[in-house]
């Protein structure tokens, strides 16, 4: 279940995540109804992370309060912003 880092970085902002860079990582904080939520994840700038392996995808999914399958859908734009918000509400994360 590998994901391309470039695809994740390009698509998370389309789903309501706001990007914030620092020296080592790119952080993404989920915003809903104009407010920053507790949901966040990050990816490394490191060259060895051009493809995110199963372990990293799983960690990012947990940080985003999703199953690995749903996170892959979020990152590949097969899961819409509205569907993501509904999943978060069902899980009582929003």
PDB file of N, CA and C in Angstrom:
ATOM      1  N   UNK A   1       0.838  -1.186   0.000  1.00  0.00           N
ATOM      2  CA  UNK A   1       0.000   0.000   0.000  1.00  0.00           C
ATOM      3  C   UNK A   1       0.881   1.247   0.000  1.00  0.00           C
ATOM      4  N   UNK A   2       1.915   1.265  -0.793  1.00  0.00           N
ATOM      5  CA  UNK A   2       2.809   2.415  -0.885  1.00  0.00           C
ATOM      6  C   UNK A   2       2.107   3.600  -1.537  1.00  0.00           C
ATOM      7  N   UNK A   3       2.510   4.796  -1.123  1.00  0.00           N
ATOM      8  CA  UNK A   3       2.001   6.033  -1.704  1.00  0.00           C
ATOM      9  C   UNK A   3       3.169   6.916  -2.102  1.00  0.00           C
ATOM     10  N   UNK A   4       3.005   7.640  -3.181  1.00  0.00           N
ATOM     11  CA  UNK A   4       4.016   8.608  -3.591  1.00  0.00           C
ATOM     12  C   UNK A   4       3.903   9.837  -2.696  1.00  0.00           C
ATOM     13  N   UNK A   5       5.020  10.257  -2.124  1.00  0.00           N
ATOM     14  CA  UNK A   5       5.033  11.430  -1.250  1.00  0.00           C
ATOM     15  C   UNK A   5       4.496  12.651  -1.977  1.00  0.00           C
ATOM     16  N   UNK A   6       4.879  12.823  -3.235  1.00  0.00           N
ATOM     17  CA  UNK A   6       4.439  13.992  -3.998  1.00  0.00           C
ATOM     18  C   UNK A   6       2.916  14.024  -4.141  1.00  0.00           C
ATOM     19  N   UNK A   7       2.304  12.855  -4.283  1.00  0.00           N
ATOM     20  CA  UNK A   7       0.842  12.777  -4.401  1.00  0.00           C
ATOM     21  C   UNK A   7       0.178  13.157  -3.075  1.00  0.00           C
ATOM     22  N   UNK A   8       0.739  12.672  -1.971  1.00  0.00           N
ATOM     23  CA  UNK A   8       0.206  13.002  -0.650  1.00  0.00           C
ATOM     24  C   UNK A   8       0.321  14.505  -0.414  1.00  0.00           C
ATOM     25  N   UNK A   9       1.492  15.073  -0.711  1.00  0.00           N
ATOM     26  CA  UNK A   9       1.710  16.507  -0.497  1.00  0.00           C
ATOM     27  C   UNK A   9       0.805  17.361  -1.378  1.00  0.00           C
ATOM     28  N   UNK A  10       0.498  16.896  -2.563  1.00  0.00           N
ATOM     29  CA  UNK A  10      -0.361  17.656  -3.472  1.00  0.00           C
ATOM     30  C   UNK A  10      -1.836  17.557  -3.092  1.00  0.00           C
ATOM     31  N   UNK A  11      -2.256  16.412  -2.563  1.00  0.00           N
ATOM     32  CA  UNK A  11      -3.683  16.179  -2.354  1.00  0.00           C
ATOM     33  C   UNK A  11      -4.204  16.491  -0.958  1.00  0.00           C
ATOM     34  N   UNK A  12      -3.390  16.406   0.068  1.00  0.00           N
ATOM     35  CA  UNK A  12      -3.902  16.720   1.410  1.00  0.00           C
ATOM     36  C   UNK A  12      -4.450  18.141   1.511  1.00  0.00           C
ATOM     37  N   UNK A  13      -3.782  19.139   0.934  1.00  0.00           N
ATOM     38  CA  UNK A  13      -4.359  20.497   0.999  1.00  0.00           C
ATOM     39  C   UNK A  13      -5.729  20.606   0.317  1.00  0.00           C
ATOM     40  N   UNK A  14      -6.003  19.769  -0.653  1.00  0.00           N
ATOM     41  CA  UNK A  14      -7.305  19.768  -1.324  1.00  0.00           C
ATOM     42  C   UNK A  14      -8.405  19.240  -0.403  1.00  0.00           C
ATOM     43  N   UNK A  15      -8.013  18.555   0.650  1.00  0.00           N
ATOM     44  CA  UNK A  15      -8.975  17.928   1.567  1.00  0.00           C
ATOM     45  C   UNK A  15      -9.153  18.691   2.869  1.00  0.00           C
ATOM     46  N   UNK A  16      -8.573  19.887   2.953  1.00  0.00           N
ATOM     47  CA  UNK A  16      -8.758  20.703   4.151  1.00  0.00           C
ATOM     48  C   UNK A  16      -7.552  20.771   5.064  1.00  0.00           C
ATOM     49  N   UNK A  17      -6.433  20.178   4.646  1.00  0.00           N
ATOM     50  CA  UNK A  17      -5.219  20.240   5.448  1.00  0.00           C
ATOM     51  C   UNK A  17      -4.409  21.465   5.046  1.00  0.00           C
ATOM     52  N   UNK A  18      -3.889  22.161   6.033  1.00  0.00           N
ATOM     53  CA  UNK A  18      -3.065  23.332   5.793  1.00  0.00           C
ATOM     54  C   UNK A  18      -1.617  22.951   6.047  1.00  0.00           C
ATOM     55  N   UNK A  19      -0.780  23.247   5.071  1.00  0.00           N
ATOM     56  CA  UNK A  19       0.628  22.866   5.113  1.00  0.00           C
ATOM     57  C   UNK A  19       1.447  23.890   5.889  1.00  0.00           C
ATOM     58  N   UNK A  20       2.389  23.374   6.679  1.00  0.00           N
ATOM     59  CA  UNK A  20       3.335  24.214   7.406  1.00  0.00           C
ATOM     60  C   UNK A  20       4.681  23.509   7.365  1.00  0.00           C
ATOM     61  N   UNK A  21       5.650  24.122   6.761  1.00  0.00           N
ATOM     62  CA  UNK A  21       6.967  23.496   6.626  1.00  0.00           C
ATOM     63  C   UNK A  21       7.888  23.907   7.753  1.00  0.00           C
ATOM     64  N   UNK A  22       8.762  22.987   8.123  1.00  0.00           N
ATOM     65  CA  UNK A  22       9.913  23.326   8.943  1.00  0.00           C
ATOM     66  C   UNK A  22      11.109  22.631   8.309  1.00  0.00           C
ATOM     67  N   UNK A  23      12.237  22.648   8.957  1.00  0.00           N
ATOM     68  CA  UNK A  23      13.459  22.146   8.321  1.00  0.00           C
ATOM     69  C   UNK A  23      13.414  20.660   7.977  1.00  0.00           C
ATOM     70  N   UNK A  24      12.827  19.852   8.830  1.00  0.00           N
ATOM     71  CA  UNK A  24      12.868  18.409   8.630  1.00  0.00           C
ATOM     72  C   UNK A  24      11.583  17.825   8.057  1.00  0.00           C
ATOM     73  N   UNK A  25      10.447  18.468   8.310  1.00  0.00           N
ATOM     74  CA  UNK A  25       9.162  17.884   7.950  1.00  0.00           C
ATOM     75  C   UNK A  25       8.227  18.921   7.342  1.00  0.00           C
ATOM     76  N   UNK A  26       7.212  18.409   6.682  1.00  0.00           N
ATOM     77  CA  UNK A  26       6.089  19.224   6.247  1.00  0.00           C
ATOM     78  C   UNK A  26       4.903  18.760   7.080  1.00  0.00           C
ATOM     79  N   UNK A  27       4.357  19.657   7.894  1.00  0.00           N
ATOM     80  CA  UNK A  27       3.232  19.327   8.754  1.00  0.00           C
ATOM     81  C   UNK A  27       1.932  19.715   8.080  1.00  0.00           C
ATOM     82  N   UNK A  28       0.897  18.934   8.323  1.00  0.00           N
ATOM     83  CA  UNK A  28      -0.434  19.205   7.791  1.00  0.00           C
ATOM     84  C   UNK A  28      -1.428  19.181   8.944  1.00  0.00           C
ATOM     85  N   UNK A  29      -2.120  20.288   9.139  1.00  0.00           N
ATOM     86  CA  UNK A  29      -3.154  20.394  10.168  1.00  0.00           C
ATOM     87  C   UNK A  29      -4.502  20.488   9.464  1.00  0.00           C
ATOM     88  N   UNK A  30      -5.450  19.653   9.888  1.00  0.00           N
ATOM     89  CA  UNK A  30      -6.776  19.661   9.278  1.00  0.00           C
ATOM     90  C   UNK A  30      -7.593  20.813   9.836  1.00  0.00           C
ATOM     91  N   UNK A  31      -8.187  21.564   8.930  1.00  0.00           N
ATOM     92  CA  UNK A  31      -9.056  22.676   9.302  1.00  0.00           C
ATOM     93  C   UNK A  31     -10.485  22.337   8.875  1.00  0.00           C
ATOM     94  N   UNK A  32     -11.431  22.644   9.757  1.00  0.00           N
ATOM     95  CA  UNK A  32     -12.848  22.392   9.472  1.00  0.00           C
ATOM     96  C   UNK A  32     -13.645  23.612   9.909  1.00  0.00           C
ATOM     97  N   UNK A  33     -14.514  24.068   9.024  1.00  0.00           N
ATOM     98  CA  UNK A  33     -15.321  25.268   9.281  1.00  0.00           C
ATOM     99  C   UNK A  33     -14.455  26.451   9.695  1.00  0.00           C
ATOM    100  N   UNK A  34     -13.305  26.586   9.045  1.00  0.00           N
ATOM    101  CA  UNK A  34     -12.414  27.718   9.296  1.00  0.00           C
ATOM    102  C   UNK A  34     -11.589  27.622  10.564  1.00  0.00           C
ATOM    103  N   UNK A  35     -11.641  26.482  11.246  1.00  0.00           N
ATOM    104  CA  UNK A  35     -10.902  26.333  12.502  1.00  0.00           C
ATOM    105  C   UNK A  35      -9.922  25.161  12.413  1.00  0.00           C
ATOM    106  N   UNK A  36      -8.773  25.353  13.029  1.00  0.00           N
ATOM    107  CA  UNK A  36      -7.762  24.299  13.117  1.00  0.00           C
ATOM    108  C   UNK A  36      -8.256  23.229  14.079  1.00  0.00           C
ATOM    109  N   UNK A  37      -8.158  21.960  13.687  1.00  0.00           N
ATOM    110  CA  UNK A  37      -8.580  20.857  14.551  1.00  0.00           C
ATOM    111  C   UNK A  37      -7.352  20.193  15.179  1.00  0.00           C
ATOM    112  N   UNK A  38      -7.588  19.173  15.970  1.00  0.00           N
ATOM    113  CA  UNK A  38      -6.509  18.411  16.603  1.00  0.00           C
ATOM    114  C   UNK A  38      -5.888  17.392  15.651  1.00  0.00           C
ATOM    115  N   UNK A  39      -6.424  17.270  14.454  1.00  0.00           N
ATOM    116  CA  UNK A  39      -5.977  16.246  13.512  1.00  0.00           C
ATOM    117  C   UNK A  39      -4.809  16.779  12.697  1.00  0.00           C
ATOM    118  N   UNK A  40      -3.708  16.036  12.747  1.00  0.00           N
ATOM    119  CA  UNK A  40      -2.520  16.479  12.018  1.00  0.00           C
ATOM    120  C   UNK A  40      -1.661  15.283  11.639  1.00  0.00           C
ATOM    121  N   UNK A  41      -0.819  15.499  10.652  1.00  0.00           N
ATOM    122  CA  UNK A  41       0.142  14.491  10.232  1.00  0.00           C
ATOM    123  C   UNK A  41       1.326  15.219   9.623  1.00  0.00           C
ATOM    124  N   UNK A  42       2.344  14.471   9.233  1.00  0.00           N
ATOM    125  CA  UNK A  42       3.503  15.104   8.605  1.00  0.00           C
ATOM    126  C   UNK A  42       4.215  14.118   7.696  1.00  0.00           C
ATOM    127  N   UNK A  43       5.006  14.683   6.797  1.00  0.00           N
ATOM    128  CA  UNK A  43       5.896  13.885   5.950  1.00  0.00           C
ATOM    129  C   UNK A  43       7.284  14.498   6.038  1.00  0.00           C
ATOM    130  N   UNK A  44       8.276  13.678   5.828  1.00  0.00           N
ATOM    131  CA  UNK A  44       9.656  14.109   5.914  1.00  0.00           C
ATOM    132  C   UNK A  44      10.116  14.686   4.584  1.00  0.00           C
ATOM    133  N   UNK A  45      11.073  15.619   4.661  1.00  0.00           N
ATOM    134  CA  UNK A  45      11.734  16.132   3.464  1.00  0.00           C
ATOM    135  C   UNK A  45      12.779  15.146   2.943  1.00  0.00           C
ATOM    136  N   UNK A  46      13.171  14.175   3.761  1.00  0.00           N
ATOM    137  CA  UNK A  46      14.267  13.276   3.439  1.00  0.00           C
ATOM    138  C   UNK A  46      14.118  12.573   2.095  1.00  0.00           C
ATOM    139  N   UNK A  47      15.215  12.451   1.367  1.00  0.00           N
ATOM    140  CA  UNK A  47      15.215  11.851   0.042  1.00  0.00           C
ATOM    141  C   UNK A  47      14.785  10.397   0.006  1.00  0.00           C
ATOM    142  N   UNK A  48      14.961   9.681   1.112  1.00  0.00           N
ATOM    143  CA  UNK A  48      14.599   8.256   1.107  1.00  0.00           C
ATOM    144  C   UNK A  48      13.094   8.041   1.261  1.00  0.00           C
ATOM    145  N   UNK A  49      12.327   9.125   1.419  1.00  0.00           N
ATOM    146  CA  UNK A  49      10.880   9.004   1.614  1.00  0.00           C
ATOM    147  C   UNK A  49      10.082   9.475   0.405  1.00  0.00           C
ATOM    148  N   UNK A  50      10.617   9.287  -0.812  1.00  0.00           N
ATOM    149  CA  UNK A  50       9.860   9.670  -2.009  1.00  0.00           C
ATOM    150  C   UNK A  50       8.638   8.783  -2.166  1.00  0.00           C
ATOM    151  N   UNK A  51       8.754   7.554  -1.701  1.00  0.00           N
ATOM    152  CA  UNK A  51       7.619   6.637  -1.635  1.00  0.00           C
ATOM    153  C   UNK A  51       7.405   6.298  -0.169  1.00  0.00           C
ATOM    154  N   UNK A  52       6.172   6.453   0.278  1.00  0.00           N
ATOM    155  CA  UNK A  52       5.838   6.163   1.669  1.00  0.00           C
ATOM    156  C   UNK A  52       5.429   4.701   1.774  1.00  0.00           C
ATOM    157  N   UNK A  53       6.162   3.945   2.564  1.00  0.00           N
ATOM    158  CA  UNK A  53       5.890   2.524   2.743  1.00  0.00           C
ATOM    159  C   UNK A  53       4.695   2.268   3.635  1.00  0.00           C
ATOM    160  N   UNK A  54       4.349   0.997   3.745  1.00  0.00           N
ATOM    161  CA  UNK A  54       3.184   0.590   4.528  1.00  0.00           C
ATOM    162  C   UNK A  54       3.208   1.113   5.952  1.00  0.00           C
ATOM    163  N   UNK A  55       4.369   1.073   6.597  1.00  0.00           N
ATOM    164  CA  UNK A  55       4.452   1.509   7.991  1.00  0.00           C
ATOM    165  C   UNK A  55       4.150   2.998   8.131  1.00  0.00           C
ATOM    166  N   UNK A  56       4.685   3.832   7.237  1.00  0.00           N
ATOM    167  CA  UNK A  56       4.428   5.270   7.300  1.00  0.00           C
ATOM    168  C   UNK A  56       2.990   5.597   6.928  1.00  0.00           C
ATOM    169  N   UNK A  57       2.461   4.912   5.927  1.00  0.00           N
ATOM    170  CA  UNK A  57       1.071   5.134   5.527  1.00  0.00           C
ATOM    171  C   UNK A  57       0.143   4.780   6.685  1.00  0.00           C
ATOM    172  N   UNK A  58       0.432   3.690   7.371  1.00  0.00           N
ATOM    173  CA  UNK A  58      -0.372   3.281   8.520  1.00  0.00           C
ATOM    174  C   UNK A  58      -0.319   4.320   9.632  1.00  0.00           C
ATOM    175  N   UNK A  59       0.861   4.850   9.923  1.00  0.00           N
ATOM    176  CA  UNK A  59       1.001   5.882  10.962  1.00  0.00           C
ATOM    177  C   UNK A  59       0.251   7.148  10.582  1.00  0.00           C
ATOM    178  N   UNK A  60       0.368   7.556   9.323  1.00  0.00           N
ATOM    179  CA  UNK A  60      -0.327   8.759   8.870  1.00  0.00           C
ATOM    180  C   UNK A  60      -1.836   8.561   8.919  1.00  0.00           C
ATOM    181  N   UNK A  61      -2.294   7.357   8.585  1.00  0.00           N
ATOM    182  CA  UNK A  61      -3.722   7.059   8.654  1.00  0.00           C
ATOM    183  C   UNK A  61      -4.234   7.218  10.081  1.00  0.00           C
ATOM    184  N   UNK A  62      -3.506   6.678  11.033  1.00  0.00           N
ATOM    185  CA  UNK A  62      -3.905   6.795  12.442  1.00  0.00           C
ATOM    186  C   UNK A  62      -3.923   8.246  12.884  1.00  0.00           C
ATOM    187  N   UNK A  63      -2.923   9.023  12.469  1.00  0.00           N
ATOM    188  CA  UNK A  63      -2.879  10.437  12.828  1.00  0.00           C
ATOM    189  C   UNK A  63      -4.068  11.198  12.248  1.00  0.00           C
ATOM    190  N   UNK A  64      -4.533  10.765  11.070  1.00  0.00           N
ATOM    191  CA  UNK A  64      -5.667  11.415  10.401  1.00  0.00           C
ATOM    192  C   UNK A  64      -6.996  10.787  10.797  1.00  0.00           C
ATOM    193  N   UNK A  65      -6.954   9.850  11.752  1.00  0.00           N
ATOM    194  CA  UNK A  65      -8.143   9.189  12.296  1.00  0.00           C
ATOM    195  C   UNK A  65      -8.890   8.375  11.238  1.00  0.00           C
ATOM    196  N   UNK A  66      -8.115   7.668  10.403  1.00  0.00           N
ATOM    197  CA  UNK A  66      -8.678   6.860   9.328  1.00  0.00           C
ATOM    198  C   UNK A  66      -8.073   5.466   9.323  1.00  0.00           C
ATOM    199  N   UNK A  67      -8.747   4.559   8.623  1.00  0.00           N
ATOM    200  CA  UNK A  67      -8.133   3.274   8.327  1.00  0.00           C
ATOM    201  C   UNK A  67      -7.086   3.514   7.240  1.00  0.00           C
ATOM    202  N   UNK A  68      -6.189   2.576   7.072  1.00  0.00           N
ATOM    203  CA  UNK A  68      -5.166   2.709   6.032  1.00  0.00           C
ATOM    204  C   UNK A  68      -5.820   2.817   4.657  1.00  0.00           C
ATOM    205  N   UNK A  69      -6.847   2.014   4.413  1.00  0.00           N
ATOM    206  CA  UNK A  69      -7.550   2.050   3.124  1.00  0.00           C
ATOM    207  C   UNK A  69      -8.170   3.428   2.879  1.00  0.00           C
ATOM    208  N   UNK A  70      -8.831   3.983   3.884  1.00  0.00           N
ATOM    209  CA  UNK A  70      -9.448   5.297   3.724  1.00  0.00           C
ATOM    210  C   UNK A  70      -8.415   6.401   3.575  1.00  0.00           C
ATOM    211  N   UNK A  71      -7.282   6.281   4.277  1.00  0.00           N
ATOM    212  CA  UNK A  71      -6.233   7.289   4.116  1.00  0.00           C
ATOM    213  C   UNK A  71      -5.686   7.264   2.696  1.00  0.00           C
ATOM    214  N   UNK A  72      -5.503   6.078   2.165  1.00  0.00           N
ATOM    215  CA  UNK A  72      -5.034   5.974   0.778  1.00  0.00           C
ATOM    216  C   UNK A  72      -6.032   6.657  -0.151  1.00  0.00           C
ATOM    217  N   UNK A  73      -7.321   6.458   0.096  1.00  0.00           N
ATOM    218  CA  UNK A  73      -8.351   7.137  -0.691  1.00  0.00           C
ATOM    219  C   UNK A  73      -8.287   8.642  -0.550  1.00  0.00           C
ATOM    220  N   UNK A  74      -8.022   9.115   0.663  1.00  0.00           N
ATOM    221  CA  UNK A  74      -7.878  10.553   0.901  1.00  0.00           C
ATOM    222  C   UNK A  74      -6.684  11.101   0.137  1.00  0.00           C
ATOM    223  N   UNK A  75      -5.571  10.398   0.209  1.00  0.00           N
ATOM    224  CA  UNK A  75      -4.340  10.850  -0.431  1.00  0.00           C
ATOM    225  C   UNK A  75      -4.387  10.747  -1.948  1.00  0.00           C
ATOM    226  N   UNK A  76      -5.191   9.828  -2.465  1.00  0.00           N
ATOM    227  CA  UNK A  76      -5.287   9.652  -3.915  1.00  0.00           C
ATOM    228  C   UNK A  76      -6.542  10.300  -4.498  1.00  0.00           C
ATOM    229  N   UNK A  77      -7.277  11.033  -3.671  1.00  0.00           N
ATOM    230  CA  UNK A  77      -8.480  11.772  -4.086  1.00  0.00           C
ATOM    231  C   UNK A  77      -9.641  10.892  -4.531  1.00  0.00           C
ATOM    232  N   UNK A  78      -9.713   9.665  -4.040  1.00  0.00           N
ATOM    233  CA  UNK A  78     -10.906   8.871  -4.280  1.00  0.00           C
ATOM    234  C   UNK A  78     -11.888   9.012  -3.120  1.00  0.00           C
ATOM    235  N   UNK A  79     -11.423   9.582  -2.005  1.00  0.00           N
ATOM    236  CA  UNK A  79     -12.266   9.913  -0.856  1.00  0.00           C
ATOM    237  C   UNK A  79     -12.399  11.432  -0.838  1.00  0.00           C
ATOM    238  N   UNK A  80     -13.623  11.922  -0.913  1.00  0.00           N
ATOM    239  CA  UNK A  80     -13.839  13.367  -0.985  1.00  0.00           C
ATOM    240  C   UNK A  80     -13.672  14.027   0.385  1.00  0.00           C
ATOM    241  N   UNK A  81     -13.568  15.331   0.355  1.00  0.00           N
ATOM    242  CA  UNK A  81     -13.498  16.116   1.595  1.00  0.00           C
ATOM    243  C   UNK A  81     -14.750  15.852   2.438  1.00  0.00           C
ATOM    244  N   UNK A  82     -15.910  15.856   1.805  1.00  0.00           N
ATOM    245  CA  UNK A  82     -17.168  15.639   2.521  1.00  0.00           C
ATOM    246  C   UNK A  82     -17.220  14.244   3.140  1.00  0.00           C
ATOM    247  N   UNK A  83     -16.749  13.242   2.413  1.00  0.00           N
ATOM    248  CA  UNK A  83     -16.717  11.883   2.954  1.00  0.00           C
ATOM    249  C   UNK A  83     -15.762  11.797   4.142  1.00  0.00           C
ATOM    250  N   UNK A  84     -14.639  12.496   4.053  1.00  0.00           N
ATOM    251  CA  UNK A  84     -13.686  12.518   5.163  1.00  0.00           C
ATOM    252  C   UNK A  84     -14.312  13.161   6.396  1.00  0.00           C
ATOM    253  N   UNK A  85     -14.967  14.291   6.211  1.00  0.00           N
ATOM    254  CA  UNK A  85     -15.621  14.967   7.332  1.00  0.00           C
ATOM    255  C   UNK A  85     -16.675  14.053   7.954  1.00  0.00           C
ATOM    256  N   UNK A  86     -17.442  13.356   7.125  1.00  0.00           N
ATOM    257  CA  UNK A  86     -18.462  12.434   7.651  1.00  0.00           C
ATOM    258  C   UNK A  86     -17.831  11.300   8.452  1.00  0.00           C
ATOM    259  N   UNK A  87     -16.712  10.764   7.975  1.00  0.00           N
ATOM    260  CA  UNK A  87     -16.015   9.712   8.727  1.00  0.00           C
ATOM    261  C   UNK A  87     -15.514  10.240  10.074  1.00  0.00           C
ATOM    262  N   UNK A  88     -15.004  11.448  10.087  1.00  0.00           N
ATOM    263  CA  UNK A  88     -14.541  12.047  11.345  1.00  0.00           C
ATOM    264  C   UNK A  88     -15.699  12.272  12.309  1.00  0.00           C
ATOM    265  N   UNK A  89     -16.818  12.705  11.793  1.00  0.00           N
ATOM    266  CA  UNK A  89     -17.993  12.912  12.659  1.00  0.00           C
ATOM    267  C   UNK A  89     -18.494  11.588  13.211  1.00  0.00           C
ATOM    268  N   UNK A  90     -18.525  10.553  12.367  1.00  0.00           N
ATOM    269  CA  UNK A  90     -18.960   9.234  12.836  1.00  0.00           C
ATOM    270  C   UNK A  90     -18.035   8.710  13.935  1.00  0.00           C
ATOM    271  N   UNK A  91     -16.753   9.024  13.837  1.00  0.00           N
ATOM    272  CA  UNK A  91     -15.776   8.585  14.838  1.00  0.00           C
ATOM    273  C   UNK A  91     -15.708   9.548  16.017  1.00  0.00           C
ATOM    274  N   UNK A  92     -16.573  10.553  15.999  1.00  0.00           N
ATOM    275  CA  UNK A  92     -16.627  11.581  17.050  1.00  0.00           C
ATOM    276  C   UNK A  92     -15.300  12.321  17.209  1.00  0.00           C
ATOM    277  N   UNK A  93     -14.634  12.556  16.094  1.00  0.00           N
ATOM    278  CA  UNK A  93     -13.391  13.324  16.102  1.00  0.00           C
ATOM    279  C   UNK A  93     -13.657  14.800  15.790  1.00  0.00           C
ATOM    280  N   UNK A  94     -14.836  15.095  15.268  1.00  0.00           N
ATOM    281  CA  UNK A  94     -15.241  16.486  15.005  1.00  0.00           C
ATOM    282  C   UNK A  94     -16.506  16.800  15.772  1.00  0.00           C
TER     283      UNK A  94
END
